[in-house]
Amino acid sequence: MVEMVILGEEKSPSNIKLVEEAKKVFDSVFFVPISGIYIGLTDKFAITYRTSDILKFKGILPRIPRGLSSYAYQLLSLFPEETYMSTRPISFLLAEERFFLLTVLRKRGVNTINMRMARAIEPATRIIENNSFPLIIRTTGKTTGVVVKKQTEAKGSIDALGSLKQPMLIEDTVKDMVSVYVAEPDVIACVKKKTKEPDTVFAKGEYRSHNPDVETEQLALEAAKSIEAQVARVDIALDGGPKVTNINLNPNLIKPSEVTGVNLAKKIAEAVERNYQAYRERPMLMRFFDDARSVVKDVLKTKQLLI
């Protein structure tokens, strides 16, 4: 009997649709809200929802939002090595903060937009003195940013943000961006955002279906694989050639399905079922060597450099 657990924050429309489609390809599917879980560190590890021992399940499809990335890592890391996960624990730590995410992608040979980080006003000022405009300035962890078109504007924004005593991101602007939906080993849909806002990456806008070229598709697949995520939305800037701008591990599935005519929840459920079966058929020794080649070593090295 093949059972799958979908771990999520809430029964959102996307999660409900995903459960419905997963029930068509798995013998049984359980949606477990992470708010109802308790973790036990006693004589043995325990992850319990109501009276159910979640650790006994062999397949996990995590749908955990970015704001709970640290918790997602802690929670998923407790599962036995033989447990299949469509998104690995380390993936959530990587995707939590964009500068760290793009750093790891660059280290693994994945093309990304240009971004700089400074922890104080003085080095941030030196950055803007040596770069062309326009630029976007924001604090790390924030989606809202300020688009600056000249050095005086940039200096004013740096002074204001610097007073908050938080690291600042100074990144290239993006005018042309697509969101590519990946369910390994395939790209299952792609949408293009149209917005009047200057900060395209995080601005609200209208979406339309888009047919990405082979280079963009390959970049999306490589980016997701580089952080060990089989299911993801990869945002890619098309300005001057495709470059990754962000990765979302818990994307909305309803709107892009409506826009593209592709049932994303169905495609994801089918891909997860195939990947689950392939994972179960692989010898444990092969899984061990895969873990040894994991992104974890690169992550730890990069973390040390950024502290």
Protein backbone atom coordinates (compact mmCIF):
# COMPACT_ATOMS: atom_id res chain seq x y z
CA MET A 1 0.00 0.00 0.00
CA VAL A 2 1.48 3.32 -1.11
CA GLU A 3 0.75 6.19 1.27
CA MET A 4 1.70 9.83 0.86
CA VAL A 5 1.64 12.63 3.44
CA ILE A 6 1.25 16.24 2.31
CA LEU A 7 2.67 18.53 4.99
CA GLY A 8 1.33 22.08 4.78
CA GLU A 9 0.49 25.15 6.81
CA GLU A 10 -3.20 25.13 5.96
CA LYS A 11 -5.83 23.69 3.64
CA SER A 12 -5.41 26.37 0.99
CA PRO A 13 -7.10 25.96 -2.41
CA SER A 14 -3.75 24.80 -3.85
CA ASN A 15 -3.26 22.19 -1.11
CA ILE A 16 -6.84 20.94 -1.38
CA LYS A 17 -6.44 20.51 -5.14
CA LEU A 18 -3.13 18.74 -4.65
CA VAL A 19 -4.71 16.30 -2.17
CA GLU A 20 -7.53 15.58 -4.63
CA GLU A 21 -5.11 14.80 -7.46
CA ALA A 22 -2.73 12.83 -5.24
CA LYS A 23 -5.59 10.52 -4.21
CA LYS A 24 -5.88 9.46 -7.86
CA VAL A 25 -2.32 8.09 -8.00
CA PHE A 26 -1.62 6.97 -4.40
CA ASP A 27 -3.48 4.31 -2.40
CA SER A 28 -4.03 6.82 0.40
CA VAL A 29 -3.18 10.47 0.98
CA PHE A 30 -3.13 12.38 4.26
CA PHE A 31 -2.98 16.14 4.61
CA VAL A 32 -1.22 17.03 7.85
CA PRO A 33 -1.26 20.70 8.99
CA ILE A 34 2.08 21.46 10.59
CA SER A 35 0.32 23.57 13.25
CA GLY A 36 -1.21 20.34 14.58
CA ILE A 37 2.09 18.46 14.87
CA TYR A 38 4.14 17.98 17.97
CA ILE A 39 7.76 16.83 17.92
CA GLY A 40 9.12 14.62 20.67
CA LEU A 41 12.80 14.30 21.61
CA THR A 42 12.66 11.72 24.39
CA ASP A 43 13.94 8.15 24.28
CA LYS A 44 13.34 8.32 20.52
CA PHE A 45 12.28 10.87 17.91
CA ALA A 46 8.55 11.33 17.40
CA ILE A 47 6.45 13.43 15.04
CA THR A 48 2.80 13.06 15.96
CA TYR A 49 -0.42 14.43 14.53
CA ARG A 50 -3.41 13.61 16.73
CA THR A 51 -2.81 9.88 17.32
CA SER A 52 -0.84 9.23 14.11
CA ASP A 53 2.91 8.62 14.04
CA ILE A 54 4.00 10.61 10.97
CA LEU A 55 7.48 9.08 10.97
CA LYS A 56 6.04 5.75 9.82
CA PHE A 57 5.04 7.12 6.41
CA LYS A 58 7.45 6.45 3.54
CA GLY A 59 6.52 9.41 1.33
CA ILE A 60 6.40 13.14 2.16
CA LEU A 61 5.33 16.01 -0.09
CA PRO A 62 6.19 19.21 1.81
CA ARG A 63 4.15 22.37 1.14
CA ILE A 64 5.71 24.60 3.78
CA PRO A 65 5.91 28.40 3.26
CA ARG A 66 9.15 30.39 3.22
CA GLY A 67 8.49 32.01 6.60
CA LEU A 68 8.70 28.58 8.25
CA SER A 69 11.83 27.40 6.45
CA SER A 70 13.89 26.83 9.59
CA TYR A 71 11.07 24.81 11.15
CA ALA A 72 10.67 22.86 7.90
CA TYR A 73 14.35 21.92 8.00
CA GLN A 74 14.17 20.79 11.63
CA LEU A 75 10.97 18.83 11.07
CA LEU A 76 11.95 17.04 7.87
CA SER A 77 15.46 16.23 9.12
CA LEU A 78 13.98 13.90 11.75
CA PHE A 79 12.58 11.47 9.18
CA PRO A 80 14.52 8.26 8.50
CA GLU A 81 16.94 8.22 5.55
CA GLU A 82 14.73 5.83 3.59
CA THR A 83 11.82 8.32 3.57
CA TYR A 84 11.12 9.78 0.13
CA MET A 85 10.68 13.57 0.06
CA SER A 86 9.87 15.60 -3.02
CA THR A 87 11.73 18.50 -1.42
CA ARG A 88 14.69 17.79 0.83
CA PRO A 89 15.15 19.49 4.25
CA ILE A 90 18.16 21.49 3.07
CA SER A 91 16.12 22.97 0.20
CA PHE A 92 14.08 25.06 2.64
CA LEU A 93 17.14 26.60 4.27
CA LEU A 94 18.56 27.47 0.87
CA ALA A 95 15.40 29.10 -0.44
CA GLU A 96 14.71 31.10 2.72
CA GLU A 97 16.99 34.05 1.92
CA ARG A 98 17.62 35.12 -1.67
CA PHE A 99 21.25 36.22 -1.43
CA PHE A 100 22.24 32.92 0.14
CA LEU A 101 20.13 31.05 -2.43
CA LEU A 102 21.74 32.79 -5.41
CA THR A 103 25.19 32.34 -3.88
CA VAL A 104 24.74 28.57 -3.70
CA LEU A 105 23.30 28.47 -7.23
CA ARG A 106 26.29 30.40 -8.57
CA LYS A 107 28.67 28.01 -6.78
CA ARG A 108 26.94 25.13 -8.54
CA GLY A 109 27.22 26.73 -11.98
CA VAL A 110 23.66 28.09 -12.29
CA ASN A 111 23.32 31.53 -13.90
CA THR A 112 21.66 34.17 -11.67
CA ILE A 113 21.00 37.89 -11.66
CA ASN A 114 23.65 40.15 -10.15
CA MET A 115 23.20 41.00 -6.49
CA ARG A 116 25.39 42.64 -3.86
CA MET A 117 25.05 42.65 -0.07
CA ALA A 118 26.38 45.13 2.47
CA ARG A 119 25.86 45.30 6.21
CA ALA A 120 26.50 49.01 6.67
CA ILE A 121 26.14 52.38 4.92
CA GLU A 122 29.80 52.82 3.95
CA PRO A 123 30.28 49.62 1.91
CA ALA A 124 26.80 50.02 0.40
CA THR A 125 27.79 53.50 -0.78
CA ARG A 126 30.91 52.11 -2.45
CA ILE A 127 28.72 49.60 -4.29
CA ILE A 128 26.53 52.27 -5.89
CA GLU A 129 29.58 54.33 -6.85
CA ASN A 130 30.81 51.44 -9.00
CA ASN A 131 27.61 50.25 -10.64
CA SER A 132 25.27 51.51 -13.33
CA PHE A 133 21.61 52.35 -12.76
CA PRO A 134 18.76 51.58 -12.26
CA LEU A 135 19.17 49.37 -9.20
CA ILE A 136 16.88 47.96 -6.53
CA ILE A 137 17.76 48.37 -2.86
CA ARG A 138 16.02 46.34 -0.14
CA THR A 139 16.79 44.78 3.21
CA THR A 140 17.40 41.04 3.28
CA GLY A 141 14.31 38.96 3.84
CA LYS A 142 12.02 41.70 2.51
CA THR A 143 10.13 41.65 -0.77
CA THR A 144 9.55 45.39 -0.89
CA GLY A 145 12.38 47.38 -2.44
CA VAL A 146 13.21 50.84 -3.71
CA VAL A 147 14.11 51.36 -7.36
CA VAL A 148 16.76 54.04 -7.73
CA LYS A 149 17.74 55.64 -11.03
CA LYS A 150 20.69 57.77 -9.98
CA GLN A 151 23.35 57.98 -7.30
CA THR A 152 21.66 60.67 -5.18
CA GLU A 153 18.48 58.58 -4.93
CA ALA A 154 20.52 55.51 -4.06
CA LYS A 155 22.45 57.35 -1.35
CA GLY A 156 19.24 58.53 0.29
CA SER A 157 17.79 55.01 0.31
CA ILE A 158 21.00 53.53 1.71
CA ASP A 159 21.09 56.09 4.51
CA ALA A 160 17.47 55.31 5.41
CA LEU A 161 17.83 51.53 5.29
CA GLY A 162 21.25 51.64 6.93
CA SER A 163 19.73 53.27 10.00
CA LEU A 164 17.75 50.05 10.52
CA LYS A 165 21.04 48.20 11.16
CA GLN A 166 20.11 45.42 8.76
CA PRO A 167 22.02 44.00 5.78
CA MET A 168 21.06 45.56 2.45
CA LEU A 169 20.67 43.94 -0.94
CA ILE A 170 21.55 45.95 -4.04
CA GLU A 171 20.43 44.11 -7.15
CA ASP A 172 19.96 44.62 -10.86
CA THR A 173 16.45 45.49 -11.99
CA VAL A 174 14.41 42.93 -13.94
CA LYS A 175 12.08 44.05 -16.72
CA ASP A 176 11.18 40.73 -18.33
CA MET A 177 10.49 37.75 -16.05
CA VAL A 178 8.86 34.33 -16.30
CA SER A 179 7.93 31.79 -13.64
CA VAL A 180 8.74 28.21 -14.61
CA TYR A 181 7.00 25.37 -12.76
CA VAL A 182 9.15 22.28 -12.33
CA ALA A 183 8.07 18.76 -11.38
CA GLU A 184 11.19 16.67 -11.92
CA PRO A 185 12.17 15.71 -14.53
CA ASP A 186 9.88 18.06 -16.46
CA VAL A 187 8.89 21.67 -16.85
CA ILE A 188 5.10 21.46 -16.51
CA ALA A 189 4.06 25.08 -17.11
CA CYS A 190 5.36 28.61 -17.52
CA VAL A 191 3.78 32.03 -17.06
CA LYS A 192 4.96 35.53 -17.82
CA LYS A 193 4.24 38.42 -15.49
CA LYS A 194 3.03 41.79 -16.75
CA THR A 195 3.18 44.62 -14.23
CA LYS A 196 3.38 48.40 -14.15
CA GLU A 197 5.55 48.27 -11.04
CA PRO A 198 9.31 48.84 -11.45
CA ASP A 199 10.19 45.95 -9.10
CA THR A 200 9.07 43.10 -11.33
CA VAL A 201 10.37 40.25 -9.15
CA PHE A 202 7.92 40.75 -6.28
CA ALA A 203 5.30 43.07 -7.76
CA LYS A 204 1.71 41.99 -8.27
CA GLY A 205 0.64 41.77 -11.87
CA GLU A 206 -1.22 39.92 -14.57
CA TYR A 207 -0.05 36.55 -15.86
CA ARG A 208 -0.28 34.90 -19.23
CA SER A 209 0.87 31.56 -20.53
CA HIS A 210 4.39 31.53 -21.95
CA ASN A 211 6.37 29.03 -24.02
CA PRO A 212 9.92 29.11 -22.68
CA ASP A 213 12.87 28.30 -24.92
CA VAL A 214 15.08 25.29 -24.26
CA GLU A 215 17.73 27.36 -22.46
CA THR A 216 15.19 28.77 -19.99
CA GLU A 217 13.67 25.34 -19.35
CA GLN A 218 17.08 23.80 -18.75
CA LEU A 219 18.06 26.62 -16.38
CA ALA A 220 14.88 26.09 -14.32
CA LEU A 221 15.51 22.34 -14.06
CA GLU A 222 19.15 22.86 -13.09
CA ALA A 223 18.25 25.46 -10.46
CA ALA A 224 15.68 23.21 -8.78
CA LYS A 225 18.00 20.22 -8.89
CA SER A 226 20.86 22.27 -7.44
CA ILE A 227 18.92 22.80 -4.22
CA GLU A 228 17.50 19.24 -4.21
CA ALA A 229 13.91 20.28 -4.90
CA GLN A 230 11.86 18.10 -7.25
CA VAL A 231 8.88 20.48 -7.12
CA ALA A 232 9.41 24.23 -7.37
CA ARG A 233 8.61 27.49 -9.11
CA VAL A 234 11.75 29.03 -10.55
CA ASP A 235 11.56 32.75 -11.37
CA ILE A 236 13.82 33.67 -14.27
CA ALA A 237 14.78 37.06 -15.67
CA LEU A 238 15.00 37.09 -19.46
CA ASP A 239 16.85 40.40 -19.76
CA GLY A 240 20.06 39.67 -21.68
CA GLY A 241 19.64 35.90 -21.36
CA PRO A 242 17.93 33.76 -18.72
CA LYS A 243 19.05 34.24 -15.11
CA VAL A 244 17.48 32.90 -11.91
CA THR A 245 16.01 35.56 -9.64
CA ASN A 246 14.25 33.42 -7.02
CA ILE A 247 12.91 29.94 -6.19
CA ASN A 248 9.57 29.31 -4.48
CA LEU A 249 9.05 25.88 -2.89
CA ASN A 250 5.39 26.47 -2.01
CA PRO A 251 3.87 28.21 -5.04
CA ASN A 252 0.21 28.89 -5.69
CA LEU A 253 -1.09 26.29 -8.14
CA ILE A 254 -4.57 27.62 -8.92
CA LYS A 255 -3.86 30.83 -10.85
CA PRO A 256 -1.15 29.43 -13.13
CA SER A 257 -3.39 26.42 -13.85
CA GLU A 258 -6.17 28.77 -14.94
CA VAL A 259 -3.84 30.87 -17.09
CA THR A 260 -2.02 28.01 -18.82
CA GLY A 261 -4.82 25.45 -18.99
CA VAL A 262 -2.48 22.93 -17.33
CA ASN A 263 -3.63 21.17 -14.17
CA LEU A 264 -0.46 21.77 -12.15
CA ALA A 265 -1.67 19.80 -9.13
CA LYS A 266 -2.29 16.76 -11.35
CA LYS A 267 1.11 17.06 -13.02
CA ILE A 268 2.86 17.41 -9.65
CA ALA A 269 1.02 14.45 -8.11
CA GLU A 270 1.90 12.23 -11.07
CA ALA A 271 5.55 13.31 -11.01
CA VAL A 272 5.82 12.75 -7.26
CA GLU A 273 4.32 9.26 -7.62
CA ARG A 274 6.84 8.34 -10.33
CA ASN A 275 9.76 9.75 -8.36
CA TYR A 276 8.55 7.99 -5.22
CA GLN A 277 8.49 4.63 -6.99
CA ALA A 278 11.93 5.20 -8.51
CA TYR A 279 13.33 6.16 -5.10
CA ARG A 280 11.90 3.06 -3.43
CA GLU A 281 13.45 0.83 -6.10
CA ARG A 282 16.95 2.22 -5.67
CA PRO A 283 19.33 0.31 -3.38
CA MET A 284 20.13 1.99 -0.06
CA LEU A 285 23.82 2.19 -1.01
CA MET A 286 22.99 4.40 -4.01
CA ARG A 287 20.94 6.70 -1.78
CA PHE A 288 23.91 6.97 0.59
CA PHE A 289 26.26 8.08 -2.20
CA ASP A 290 23.66 10.57 -3.44
CA ASP A 291 23.52 12.08 0.06
CA ALA A 292 27.32 12.23 0.14
CA ARG A 293 27.31 14.27 -3.07
CA SER A 294 24.60 16.53 -1.68
CA VAL A 295 24.59 20.30 -1.76
CA VAL A 296 25.05 20.29 2.04
CA LYS A 297 28.84 20.61 1.91
CA ASP A 298 28.63 23.64 -0.36
CA VAL A 299 25.94 25.13 1.87
CA LEU A 300 28.03 24.85 5.02
CA LYS A 301 31.07 26.36 3.33
CA THR A 302 29.01 29.26 1.97
CA LYS A 303 27.33 29.87 5.33
CA GLN A 304 30.72 30.22 6.98
CA LEU A 305 31.82 32.77 4.38
CA LEU A 306 28.69 34.89 4.88
CA ILE A 307 28.69 34.96 8.70
